[in-house]
Every structure is written in C-alpha cells, then in structure tokens.
PDB file of N, CA and C in Angstrom:
ATOM      1  N   MET A   1      16.493  13.520 -65.187  1.00  0.00           N
ATOM      2  CA  MET A   1      15.683  12.872 -64.281  1.00  0.00           C
ATOM      3  C   MET A   1      14.463  13.752 -63.768  1.00  0.00           C
ATOM      4  N   LYS A   2      13.383  13.192 -63.486  1.00  0.00           N
ATOM      5  CA  LYS A   2      12.302  14.024 -62.786  1.00  0.00           C
ATOM      6  C   LYS A   2      12.250  13.739 -61.372  1.00  0.00           C
ATOM      7  N   LEU A   3      11.954  14.832 -60.717  1.00  0.00           N
ATOM      8  CA  LEU A   3      11.797  14.615 -59.146  1.00  0.00           C
ATOM      9  C   LEU A   3      10.387  13.862 -58.983  1.00  0.00           C
ATOM     10  N   PRO A   4      10.411  13.103 -57.926  1.00  0.00           N
ATOM     11  CA  PRO A   4       9.125  12.299 -57.682  1.00  0.00           C
ATOM     12  C   PRO A   4       7.986  13.290 -57.258  1.00  0.00           C
ATOM     13  N   PRO A   5       6.734  12.797 -57.433  1.00  0.00           N
ATOM     14  CA  PRO A   5       5.566  13.702 -57.143  1.00  0.00           C
ATOM     15  C   PRO A   5       5.392  14.016 -55.603  1.00  0.00           C
ATOM     16  N   ASP A   6       6.026  13.137 -54.834  1.00  0.00           N
ATOM     17  CA  ASP A   6       5.874  13.373 -53.330  1.00  0.00           C
ATOM     18  C   ASP A   6       6.897  14.258 -52.702  1.00  0.00           C
ATOM     19  N   VAL A   7       7.540  15.113 -53.449  1.00  0.00           N
ATOM     20  CA  VAL A   7       8.425  16.066 -52.824  1.00  0.00           C
ATOM     21  C   VAL A   7       7.883  16.836 -51.769  1.00  0.00           C
ATOM     22  N   ILE A   8       8.644  17.182 -50.765  1.00  0.00           N
ATOM     23  CA  ILE A   8       8.138  18.037 -49.575  1.00  0.00           C
ATOM     24  C   ILE A   8       8.393  19.522 -49.896  1.00  0.00           C
ATOM     25  N   ILE A   9       7.250  20.213 -49.820  1.00  0.00           N
ATOM     26  CA  ILE A   9       7.330  21.709 -49.928  1.00  0.00           C
ATOM     27  C   ILE A   9       6.746  22.323 -48.596  1.00  0.00           C
ATOM     28  N   PRO A  10       7.641  22.598 -47.692  1.00  0.00           N
ATOM     29  CA  PRO A  10       7.069  23.237 -46.429  1.00  0.00           C
ATOM     30  C   PRO A  10       6.290  24.467 -46.638  1.00  0.00           C
ATOM     31  N   ARG A  11       5.132  24.505 -46.034  1.00  0.00           N
ATOM     32  CA  ARG A  11       4.222  25.680 -46.328  1.00  0.00           C
ATOM     33  C   ARG A  11       4.837  26.915 -45.898  1.00  0.00           C
ATOM     34  N   GLU A  12       5.666  26.905 -44.667  1.00  0.00           N
ATOM     35  CA  GLU A  12       6.238  28.141 -44.255  1.00  0.00           C
ATOM     36  C   GLU A  12       7.293  28.578 -45.251  1.00  0.00           C
ATOM     37  N   LYS A  13       7.916  27.787 -46.082  1.00  0.00           N
ATOM     38  CA  LYS A  13       8.802  28.305 -47.142  1.00  0.00           C
ATOM     39  C   LYS A  13       7.994  29.219 -48.160  1.00  0.00           C
ATOM     40  N   LEU A  14       6.737  28.963 -48.311  1.00  0.00           N
ATOM     41  CA  LEU A  14       5.982  29.832 -49.243  1.00  0.00           C
ATOM     42  C   LEU A  14       5.417  31.021 -48.366  1.00  0.00           C
ATOM     43  N   THR A  15       4.780  30.736 -47.314  1.00  0.00           N
ATOM     44  CA  THR A  15       4.014  31.849 -46.634  1.00  0.00           C
ATOM     45  C   THR A  15       4.985  32.807 -45.788  1.00  0.00           C
ATOM     46  N   ASP A  16       5.998  32.247 -45.278  1.00  0.00           N
ATOM     47  CA  ASP A  16       6.907  33.075 -44.438  1.00  0.00           C
ATOM     48  C   ASP A  16       8.202  33.487 -45.074  1.00  0.00           C
ATOM     49  N   TYR A  17       8.443  33.116 -46.318  1.00  0.00           N
ATOM     50  CA  TYR A  17       9.792  33.346 -46.919  1.00  0.00           C
ATOM     51  C   TYR A  17       9.491  33.894 -48.349  1.00  0.00           C
ATOM     52  N   LEU A  18       9.079  33.127 -49.289  1.00  0.00           N
ATOM     53  CA  LEU A  18       8.925  33.514 -50.725  1.00  0.00           C
ATOM     54  C   LEU A  18       7.951  34.619 -50.853  1.00  0.00           C
ATOM     55  N   LEU A  19       6.815  34.597 -50.307  1.00  0.00           N
ATOM     56  CA  LEU A  19       5.724  35.453 -50.498  1.00  0.00           C
ATOM     57  C   LEU A  19       5.713  36.632 -49.520  1.00  0.00           C
ATOM     58  N   VAL A  20       6.768  36.849 -48.833  1.00  0.00           N
ATOM     59  CA  VAL A  20       6.872  38.011 -47.880  1.00  0.00           C
ATOM     60  C   VAL A  20       7.961  38.906 -48.404  1.00  0.00           C
ATOM     61  N   PHE A  21       7.549  40.273 -48.424  1.00  0.00           N
ATOM     62  CA  PHE A  21       8.623  41.240 -48.938  1.00  0.00           C
ATOM     63  C   PHE A  21       9.807  41.248 -47.969  1.00  0.00           C
ATOM     64  N   ARG A  22      10.918  41.309 -48.600  1.00  0.00           N
ATOM     65  CA  ARG A  22      12.218  41.450 -47.834  1.00  0.00           C
ATOM     66  C   ARG A  22      13.015  42.562 -48.599  1.00  0.00           C
ATOM     67  N   LEU A  23      13.772  43.310 -47.771  1.00  0.00           N
ATOM     68  CA  LEU A  23      14.611  44.296 -48.345  1.00  0.00           C
ATOM     69  C   LEU A  23      15.776  43.767 -49.146  1.00  0.00           C
ATOM     70  N   LYS A  24      16.302  42.552 -48.654  1.00  0.00           N
ATOM     71  CA  LYS A  24      17.344  41.916 -49.411  1.00  0.00           C
ATOM     72  C   LYS A  24      16.837  40.577 -49.886  1.00  0.00           C
ATOM     73  N   SER A  25      17.233  40.302 -51.275  1.00  0.00           N
ATOM     74  CA  SER A  25      16.858  39.038 -51.882  1.00  0.00           C
ATOM     75  C   SER A  25      15.389  38.740 -51.894  1.00  0.00           C
ATOM     76  N   ASP A  26      14.586  39.839 -52.131  1.00  0.00           N
ATOM     77  CA  ASP A  26      13.105  39.701 -52.161  1.00  0.00           C
ATOM     78  C   ASP A  26      12.725  38.896 -53.373  1.00  0.00           C
ATOM     79  N   LYS A  27      11.771  37.986 -53.138  1.00  0.00           N
ATOM     80  CA  LYS A  27      11.343  37.135 -54.232  1.00  0.00           C
ATOM     81  C   LYS A  27       9.694  37.434 -54.385  1.00  0.00           C
ATOM     82  N   SER A  28       9.154  38.109 -53.383  1.00  0.00           N
ATOM     83  CA  SER A  28       7.706  38.231 -53.394  1.00  0.00           C
ATOM     84  C   SER A  28       7.225  39.120 -54.578  1.00  0.00           C
ATOM     85  N   GLN A  29       7.974  40.153 -54.918  1.00  0.00           N
ATOM     86  CA  GLN A  29       7.629  40.946 -56.049  1.00  0.00           C
ATOM     87  C   GLN A  29       7.659  40.263 -57.387  1.00  0.00           C
ATOM     88  N   PHE A  30       8.710  39.502 -57.481  1.00  0.00           N
ATOM     89  CA  PHE A  30       8.826  38.636 -58.610  1.00  0.00           C
ATOM     90  C   PHE A  30       7.747  37.661 -58.827  1.00  0.00           C
ATOM     91  N   LEU A  31       7.358  36.897 -57.782  1.00  0.00           N
ATOM     92  CA  LEU A  31       6.256  36.070 -57.755  1.00  0.00           C
ATOM     93  C   LEU A  31       4.851  36.804 -58.052  1.00  0.00           C
ATOM     94  N   ALA A  32       4.786  37.935 -57.453  1.00  0.00           N
ATOM     95  CA  ALA A  32       3.472  38.700 -57.623  1.00  0.00           C
ATOM     96  C   ALA A  32       3.300  39.063 -59.133  1.00  0.00           C
ATOM     97  N   GLN A  33       4.329  39.113 -59.986  1.00  0.00           N
ATOM     98  CA  GLN A  33       4.038  39.360 -61.333  1.00  0.00           C
ATOM     99  C   GLN A  33       3.213  38.200 -62.005  1.00  0.00           C
ATOM    100  N   ALA A  34       3.310  37.061 -61.509  1.00  0.00           N
ATOM    101  CA  ALA A  34       2.473  35.852 -61.953  1.00  0.00           C
ATOM    102  C   ALA A  34       1.266  35.697 -61.058  1.00  0.00           C
ATOM    103  N   GLY A  35       0.968  36.702 -60.112  1.00  0.00           N
ATOM    104  CA  GLY A  35      -0.215  36.623 -59.285  1.00  0.00           C
ATOM    105  C   GLY A  35      -0.171  35.810 -57.945  1.00  0.00           C
ATOM    106  N   PHE A  36       1.038  35.528 -57.668  1.00  0.00           N
ATOM    107  CA  PHE A  36       1.170  34.695 -56.459  1.00  0.00           C
ATOM    108  C   PHE A  36       1.401  35.682 -55.273  1.00  0.00           C
ATOM    109  N   THR A  37       0.534  35.518 -54.202  1.00  0.00           N
ATOM    110  CA  THR A  37       0.623  36.367 -53.083  1.00  0.00           C
ATOM    111  C   THR A  37       0.574  35.543 -51.811  1.00  0.00           C
ATOM    112  N   ARG A  38       0.635  36.140 -50.582  1.00  0.00           N
ATOM    113  CA  ARG A  38       0.384  35.350 -49.415  1.00  0.00           C
ATOM    114  C   ARG A  38      -0.988  34.853 -49.273  1.00  0.00           C
ATOM    115  N   SER A  39      -1.918  35.467 -50.075  1.00  0.00           N
ATOM    116  CA  SER A  39      -3.320  34.920 -49.894  1.00  0.00           C
ATOM    117  C   SER A  39      -3.543  33.693 -50.735  1.00  0.00           C
ATOM    118  N   ASN A  40      -2.574  33.279 -51.549  1.00  0.00           N
ATOM    119  CA  ASN A  40      -2.847  32.060 -52.344  1.00  0.00           C
ATOM    120  C   ASN A  40      -1.580  31.138 -52.353  1.00  0.00           C
ATOM    121  N   PRO A  41      -0.962  30.720 -51.240  1.00  0.00           N
ATOM    122  CA  PRO A  41       0.116  29.994 -51.267  1.00  0.00           C
ATOM    123  C   PRO A  41      -0.091  28.556 -51.948  1.00  0.00           C
ATOM    124  N   ASP A  42      -1.317  28.086 -51.883  1.00  0.00           N
ATOM    125  CA  ASP A  42      -1.630  26.733 -52.517  1.00  0.00           C
ATOM    126  C   ASP A  42      -1.425  26.818 -53.965  1.00  0.00           C
ATOM    127  N   ALA A  43      -1.755  27.837 -54.568  1.00  0.00           N
ATOM    128  CA  ALA A  43      -1.609  28.051 -56.019  1.00  0.00           C
ATOM    129  C   ALA A  43      -0.101  28.094 -56.353  1.00  0.00           C
ATOM    130  N   LEU A  44       0.762  28.669 -55.583  1.00  0.00           N
ATOM    131  CA  LEU A  44       2.174  28.625 -55.791  1.00  0.00           C
ATOM    132  C   LEU A  44       2.729  27.263 -55.640  1.00  0.00           C
ATOM    133  N   GLU A  45       2.288  26.441 -54.653  1.00  0.00           N
ATOM    134  CA  GLU A  45       2.719  25.145 -54.408  1.00  0.00           C
ATOM    135  C   GLU A  45       2.283  24.293 -55.598  1.00  0.00           C
ATOM    136  N   LYS A  46       1.042  24.468 -56.125  1.00  0.00           N
ATOM    137  CA  LYS A  46       0.550  23.618 -57.220  1.00  0.00           C
ATOM    138  C   LYS A  46       1.397  23.950 -58.609  1.00  0.00           C
ATOM    139  N   ALA A  47       1.673  25.231 -58.808  1.00  0.00           N
ATOM    140  CA  ALA A  47       2.492  25.591 -59.929  1.00  0.00           C
ATOM    141  C   ALA A  47       3.859  25.059 -59.816  1.00  0.00           C
ATOM    142  N   ILE A  48       4.501  25.006 -58.673  1.00  0.00           N
ATOM    143  CA  ILE A  48       5.792  24.420 -58.474  1.00  0.00           C
ATOM    144  C   ILE A  48       5.750  22.916 -58.799  1.00  0.00           C
ATOM    145  N   ARG A  49       4.806  22.203 -58.334  1.00  0.00           N
ATOM    146  CA  ARG A  49       4.647  20.817 -58.592  1.00  0.00           C
ATOM    147  C   ARG A  49       4.410  20.581 -60.094  1.00  0.00           C
ATOM    148  N   GLU A  50       3.622  21.364 -60.609  1.00  0.00           N
ATOM    149  CA  GLU A  50       3.324  21.208 -62.066  1.00  0.00           C
ATOM    150  C   GLU A  50       4.689  21.389 -62.849  1.00  0.00           C
ATOM    151  N   MET A  51       5.480  22.379 -62.538  1.00  0.00           N
ATOM    152  CA  MET A  51       6.706  22.724 -63.223  1.00  0.00           C
ATOM    153  C   MET A  51       7.640  21.554 -63.076  1.00  0.00           C
ATOM    154  N   ILE A  52       7.919  21.033 -61.901  1.00  0.00           N
ATOM    155  CA  ILE A  52       8.834  19.922 -61.669  1.00  0.00           C
ATOM    156  C   ILE A  52       8.459  18.594 -62.362  1.00  0.00           C
ATOM    157  N   ALA A  53       7.232  18.448 -62.543  1.00  0.00           N
ATOM    158  CA  ALA A  53       6.691  17.258 -63.210  1.00  0.00           C
ATOM    159  C   ALA A  53       6.991  17.302 -64.725  1.00  0.00           C
ATOM    160  N   THR A  54       7.243  18.415 -65.251  1.00  0.00           N
ATOM    161  CA  THR A  54       7.558  18.521 -66.780  1.00  0.00           C
ATOM    162  C   THR A  54       8.952  19.002 -67.058  1.00  0.00           C
ATOM    163  N   HIS A  55       9.785  19.189 -66.048  1.00  0.00           N
ATOM    164  CA  HIS A  55      11.183  19.629 -66.232  1.00  0.00           C
ATOM    165  C   HIS A  55      12.134  18.746 -65.491  1.00  0.00           C
ATOM    166  N   ASP A  56      13.288  18.533 -66.128  1.00  0.00           N
ATOM    167  CA  ASP A  56      14.262  17.702 -65.603  1.00  0.00           C
ATOM    168  C   ASP A  56      15.039  18.269 -64.460  1.00  0.00           C
ATOM    169  N   ALA A  57      15.435  17.527 -63.446  1.00  0.00           N
ATOM    170  CA  ALA A  57      16.249  17.983 -62.325  1.00  0.00           C
ATOM    171  C   ALA A  57      17.662  17.513 -62.686  1.00  0.00           C
ATOM    172  N   THR A  58      18.666  18.372 -62.406  1.00  0.00           N
ATOM    173  CA  THR A  58      19.979  18.153 -62.570  1.00  0.00           C
ATOM    174  C   THR A  58      20.730  18.342 -61.225  1.00  0.00           C
ATOM    175  N   LEU A  59      21.718  17.411 -60.993  1.00  0.00           N
ATOM    176  CA  LEU A  59      22.510  17.566 -59.828  1.00  0.00           C
ATOM    177  C   LEU A  59      23.314  18.859 -59.842  1.00  0.00           C
ATOM    178  N   ASP A  60      23.141  19.699 -58.812  1.00  0.00           N
ATOM    179  CA  ASP A  60      23.757  20.980 -58.702  1.00  0.00           C
ATOM    180  C   ASP A  60      25.093  21.045 -57.940  1.00  0.00           C
ATOM    181  N   ARG A  61      24.973  20.337 -56.789  1.00  0.00           N
ATOM    182  CA  ARG A  61      26.173  20.260 -55.910  1.00  0.00           C
ATOM    183  C   ARG A  61      25.966  19.174 -54.806  1.00  0.00           C
ATOM    184  N   GLN A  62      26.954  18.859 -54.223  1.00  0.00           N
ATOM    185  CA  GLN A  62      26.888  17.882 -53.050  1.00  0.00           C
ATOM    186  C   GLN A  62      27.709  18.535 -51.814  1.00  0.00           C
ATOM    187  N   ASP A  63      27.228  18.275 -50.718  1.00  0.00           N
ATOM    188  CA  ASP A  63      27.929  18.616 -49.525  1.00  0.00           C
ATOM    189  C   ASP A  63      27.585  17.618 -48.404  1.00  0.00           C
ATOM    190  N   ARG A  64      27.961  17.967 -47.158  1.00  0.00           N
ATOM    191  CA  ARG A  64      27.683  17.086 -46.133  1.00  0.00           C
ATOM    192  C   ARG A  64      26.281  16.886 -45.730  1.00  0.00           C
ATOM    193  N   TYR A  65      25.448  17.674 -46.214  1.00  0.00           N
ATOM    194  CA  TYR A  65      23.959  17.519 -46.001  1.00  0.00           C
ATOM    195  C   TYR A  65      23.266  16.737 -46.848  1.00  0.00           C
ATOM    196  N   GLY A  66      23.710  16.701 -48.088  1.00  0.00           N
ATOM    197  CA  GLY A  66      23.134  15.916 -49.115  1.00  0.00           C
ATOM    198  C   GLY A  66      23.389  16.290 -50.563  1.00  0.00           C
ATOM    199  N   ASN A  67      22.617  15.873 -51.446  1.00  0.00           N
ATOM    200  CA  ASN A  67      22.732  16.278 -52.809  1.00  0.00           C
ATOM    201  C   ASN A  67      21.624  17.322 -53.158  1.00  0.00           C
ATOM    202  N   PHE A  68      22.137  18.437 -53.786  1.00  0.00           N
ATOM    203  CA  PHE A  68      21.301  19.452 -54.074  1.00  0.00           C
ATOM    204  C   PHE A  68      20.964  19.388 -55.708  1.00  0.00           C
ATOM    205  N   TYR A  69      19.626  19.540 -56.036  1.00  0.00           N
ATOM    206  CA  TYR A  69      19.210  19.435 -57.356  1.00  0.00           C
ATOM    207  C   TYR A  69      18.633  20.722 -57.862  1.00  0.00           C
ATOM    208  N   ARG A  70      18.698  20.963 -59.081  1.00  0.00           N
ATOM    209  CA  ARG A  70      18.169  22.199 -59.653  1.00  0.00           C
ATOM    210  C   ARG A  70      17.146  21.792 -60.718  1.00  0.00           C
ATOM    211  N   VAL A  71      16.043  22.580 -60.713  1.00  0.00           N
ATOM    212  CA  VAL A  71      15.061  22.424 -61.851  1.00  0.00           C
ATOM    213  C   VAL A  71      14.778  23.884 -62.314  1.00  0.00           C
ATOM    214  N   GLU A  72      15.060  24.012 -63.625  1.00  0.00           N
ATOM    215  CA  GLU A  72      14.828  25.305 -64.230  1.00  0.00           C
ATOM    216  C   GLU A  72      13.685  25.106 -65.178  1.00  0.00           C
ATOM    217  N   GLY A  73      12.794  26.110 -65.179  1.00  0.00           N
ATOM    218  CA  GLY A  73      11.589  26.000 -66.163  1.00  0.00           C
ATOM    219  C   GLY A  73      10.591  27.237 -65.991  1.00  0.00           C
ATOM    220  N   THR A  74       9.476  27.018 -66.598  1.00  0.00           N
ATOM    221  CA  THR A  74       8.555  27.965 -66.547  1.00  0.00           C
ATOM    222  C   THR A  74       7.354  27.802 -65.551  1.00  0.00           C
ATOM    223  N   LEU A  75       7.148  28.732 -64.670  1.00  0.00           N
ATOM    224  CA  LEU A  75       6.146  28.570 -63.805  1.00  0.00           C
ATOM    225  C   LEU A  75       4.913  29.320 -64.260  1.00  0.00           C
ATOM    226  N   ARG A  76       3.719  28.690 -64.267  1.00  0.00           N
ATOM    227  CA  ARG A  76       2.523  29.175 -64.838  1.00  0.00           C
ATOM    228  C   ARG A  76       1.828  29.923 -63.777  1.00  0.00           C
ATOM    229  N   GLY A  77       1.574  31.172 -63.890  1.00  0.00           N
ATOM    230  CA  GLY A  77       0.955  32.085 -62.788  1.00  0.00           C
ATOM    231  C   GLY A  77      -0.495  31.973 -62.767  1.00  0.00           C
ATOM    232  N   VAL A  78      -1.140  32.335 -61.719  1.00  0.00           N
ATOM    233  CA  VAL A  78      -2.555  32.278 -61.582  1.00  0.00           C
ATOM    234  C   VAL A  78      -3.211  33.244 -62.501  1.00  0.00           C
ATOM    235  N   ASN A  79      -2.498  34.237 -62.938  1.00  0.00           N
ATOM    236  CA  ASN A  79      -2.973  35.283 -63.895  1.00  0.00           C
ATOM    237  C   ASN A  79      -2.593  34.855 -65.369  1.00  0.00           C
ATOM    238  N   LYS A  80      -2.161  33.679 -65.546  1.00  0.00           N
ATOM    239  CA  LYS A  80      -1.790  33.023 -66.806  1.00  0.00           C
ATOM    240  C   LYS A  80      -0.412  33.605 -67.365  1.00  0.00           C
ATOM    241  N   ARG A  81       0.198  34.440 -66.572  1.00  0.00           N
ATOM    242  CA  ARG A  81       1.629  34.898 -66.993  1.00  0.00           C
ATOM    243  C   ARG A  81       2.649  33.946 -66.550  1.00  0.00           C
ATOM    244  N   ASP A  82       3.483  33.577 -67.428  1.00  0.00           N
ATOM    245  CA  ASP A  82       4.542  32.675 -67.183  1.00  0.00           C
ATOM    246  C   ASP A  82       5.853  33.436 -66.643  1.00  0.00           C
ATOM    247  N   ILE A  83       6.562  32.896 -65.643  1.00  0.00           N
ATOM    248  CA  ILE A  83       7.781  33.390 -65.232  1.00  0.00           C
ATOM    249  C   ILE A  83       8.766  32.280 -65.243  1.00  0.00           C
ATOM    250  N   LEU A  84       9.990  32.644 -65.637  1.00  0.00           N
ATOM    251  CA  LEU A  84      11.135  31.599 -65.623  1.00  0.00           C
ATOM    252  C   LEU A  84      11.705  31.565 -64.225  1.00  0.00           C
ATOM    253  N   VAL A  85      11.917  30.397 -63.678  1.00  0.00           N
ATOM    254  CA  VAL A  85      12.377  30.216 -62.358  1.00  0.00           C
ATOM    255  C   VAL A  85      13.412  29.126 -62.262  1.00  0.00           C
ATOM    256  N   VAL A  86      14.172  29.108 -61.220  1.00  0.00           N
ATOM    257  CA  VAL A  86      15.020  28.061 -60.805  1.00  0.00           C
ATOM    258  C   VAL A  86      14.520  27.568 -59.519  1.00  0.00           C
ATOM    259  N   THR A  87      14.335  26.359 -59.241  1.00  0.00           N
ATOM    260  CA  THR A  87      13.989  25.756 -57.983  1.00  0.00           C
ATOM    261  C   THR A  87      15.234  24.828 -57.515  1.00  0.00           C
ATOM    262  N   ILE A  88      15.434  24.941 -56.252  1.00  0.00           N
ATOM    263  CA  ILE A  88      16.504  24.142 -55.640  1.00  0.00           C
ATOM    264  C   ILE A  88      15.939  23.157 -54.674  1.00  0.00           C
ATOM    265  N   TRP A  89      16.385  21.893 -54.741  1.00  0.00           N
ATOM    266  CA  TRP A  89      15.881  20.903 -53.910  1.00  0.00           C
ATOM    267  C   TRP A  89      17.043  20.100 -53.279  1.00  0.00           C
ATOM    268  N   ILE A  90      16.792  19.522 -52.076  1.00  0.00           N
ATOM    269  CA  ILE A  90      17.879  18.703 -51.464  1.00  0.00           C
ATOM    270  C   ILE A  90      17.223  17.314 -51.220  1.00  0.00           C
ATOM    271  N   LEU A  91      18.192  16.346 -51.450  1.00  0.00           N
ATOM    272  CA  LEU A  91      17.925  14.979 -51.033  1.00  0.00           C
ATOM    273  C   LEU A  91      18.860  14.747 -49.849  1.00  0.00           C
ATOM    274  N   GLN A  92      18.433  14.802 -48.631  1.00  0.00           N
ATOM    275  CA  GLN A  92      19.293  14.665 -47.469  1.00  0.00           C
ATOM    276  C   GLN A  92      19.845  13.327 -47.351  1.00  0.00           C
ATOM    277  N   ILE A  93      21.124  13.214 -46.937  1.00  0.00           N
ATOM    278  CA  ILE A  93      21.829  11.922 -46.833  1.00  0.00           C
ATOM    279  C   ILE A  93      20.998  10.987 -46.081  1.00  0.00           C
ATOM    280  N   GLU A  94      20.466  11.253 -44.933  1.00  0.00           N
ATOM    281  CA  GLU A  94      19.817  10.235 -44.096  1.00  0.00           C
ATOM    282  C   GLU A  94      18.301  10.093 -44.315  1.00  0.00           C
ATOM    283  N   LYS A  95      17.791  10.807 -45.380  1.00  0.00           N
ATOM    284  CA  LYS A  95      16.414  10.780 -45.625  1.00  0.00           C
ATOM    285  C   LYS A  95      16.074  10.380 -47.022  1.00  0.00           C
ATOM    286  N   ASP A  96      14.963   9.852 -47.291  1.00  0.00           N
ATOM    287  CA  ASP A  96      14.661   9.405 -48.691  1.00  0.00           C
ATOM    288  C   ASP A  96      13.493  10.264 -49.217  1.00  0.00           C
ATOM    289  N   ALA A  97      13.618  11.530 -49.062  1.00  0.00           N
ATOM    290  CA  ALA A  97      12.661  12.452 -49.721  1.00  0.00           C
ATOM    291  C   ALA A  97      13.414  13.757 -50.201  1.00  0.00           C
ATOM    292  N   TYR A  98      12.833  14.246 -51.251  1.00  0.00           N
ATOM    293  CA  TYR A  98      13.356  15.554 -51.772  1.00  0.00           C
ATOM    294  C   TYR A  98      12.617  16.675 -51.108  1.00  0.00           C
ATOM    295  N   ARG A  99      13.299  17.604 -50.717  1.00  0.00           N
ATOM    296  CA  ARG A  99      12.795  18.838 -49.962  1.00  0.00           C
ATOM    297  C   ARG A  99      13.101  20.096 -50.622  1.00  0.00           C
ATOM    298  N   PHE A 100      12.050  20.916 -50.814  1.00  0.00           N
ATOM    299  CA  PHE A 100      12.234  22.156 -51.532  1.00  0.00           C
ATOM    300  C   PHE A 100      13.109  23.160 -50.576  1.00  0.00           C
ATOM    301  N   VAL A 101      14.070  23.788 -51.331  1.00  0.00           N
ATOM    302  CA  VAL A 101      14.958  24.707 -50.582  1.00  0.00           C
ATOM    303  C   VAL A 101      14.600  26.091 -50.923  1.00  0.00           C
ATOM    304  N   THR A 102      14.578  26.476 -52.272  1.00  0.00           N
ATOM    305  CA  THR A 102      14.194  27.906 -52.622  1.00  0.00           C
ATOM    306  C   THR A 102      13.893  27.920 -54.125  1.00  0.00           C
ATOM    307  N   LEU A 103      13.472  29.108 -54.462  1.00  0.00           N
ATOM    308  CA  LEU A 103      13.032  29.479 -55.846  1.00  0.00           C
ATOM    309  C   LEU A 103      13.672  30.790 -56.042  1.00  0.00           C
ATOM    310  N   LYS A 104      14.112  31.000 -57.364  1.00  0.00           N
ATOM    311  CA  LYS A 104      14.646  32.279 -57.674  1.00  0.00           C
ATOM    312  C   LYS A 104      14.332  32.499 -59.184  1.00  0.00           C
ATOM    313  N   PRO A 105      14.430  33.815 -59.594  1.00  0.00           N
ATOM    314  CA  PRO A 105      14.284  34.039 -61.048  1.00  0.00           C
ATOM    315  C   PRO A 105      15.439  33.419 -61.808  1.00  0.00           C
ATOM    316  N   TRP A 106      15.029  32.863 -62.975  1.00  0.00           N
ATOM    317  CA  TRP A 106      16.025  32.202 -63.923  1.00  0.00           C
ATOM    318  C   TRP A 106      16.386  33.165 -64.987  1.00  0.00           C
ATOM    319  N   ARG A 107      17.655  33.493 -65.043  1.00  0.00           N
ATOM    320  CA  ARG A 107      18.135  34.294 -66.080  1.00  0.00           C
ATOM    321  C   ARG A 107      18.883  33.337 -67.213  1.00  0.00           C
ATOM    322  N   LYS A 108      18.216  33.249 -68.274  1.00  0.00           N
ATOM    323  CA  LYS A 108      18.721  32.337 -69.339  1.00  0.00           C
ATOM    324  C   LYS A 108      20.016  32.978 -69.860  1.00  0.00           C
ATOM    325  N   LYS A 109      20.931  32.169 -70.032  1.00  0.00           N
ATOM    326  CA  LYS A 109      22.323  32.658 -70.533  1.00  0.00           C
ATOM    327  C   LYS A 109      22.168  32.918 -72.026  1.00  0.00           C
ATOM    328  N   PRO A 110      22.806  34.012 -72.562  1.00  0.00           N
ATOM    329  CA  PRO A 110      22.663  34.214 -73.991  1.00  0.00           C
ATOM    330  C   PRO A 110      23.360  33.238 -74.855  1.00  0.00           C
TER     331      PRO A 110
END
C-alpha cells in the first residue's frame, strides 16, 4: 500500500532533529551526503514525499498508540546523490492521518 499524499511531516522533526548533529544516533551527517542541511529542510521534505509516493508502506508493528508503518527506498538528494533510507510513520488510533516519526539509513540485507 502507498501512504496518502497528505501525510504530516512536522517541520521540527526535520529542522530540530534530523538535520541537527547529535553525538548519539546522528542522522545529519548521513543526510548531508545527499546535500540535505538545516538550510534546506523543504528539500528534505519534498524528497521524503516523493519517495513515499513511489514505494510501498508495510505494517511494522502495533501498540497502544497506533499502527506503525515502514517505507524503505531511495531518497534523491539535492546534489543528485541517492541514499537508501527507512522512514517510519504512525497512524494514531484516534486520528485519521499518517504522521512522520523518523528516518534512518537503510541497510539492505545480503
């Protein structure tokens, strides 16, 4: 299944989390390989939306908060470099909208 185009991607998830260097579980350096930085969060959001439009979402797990979905695929960078990513989304039990949770490097299994 494909996620709907109106998924919610909170801007602060991009500007205050993914694109900020962290000593533990840093994703900013990984995303910088594709040209994504704090100065262009709109480009990252656009790339995420394009990726989920062309890749299927699969149910990853369920808990008391809702259903978590996983979309694995290629994120096209602003520098035209592709990176493999996993995005996680939640469909909360009492809401009818998919919300972005996180993004991480995708390590293909051999």
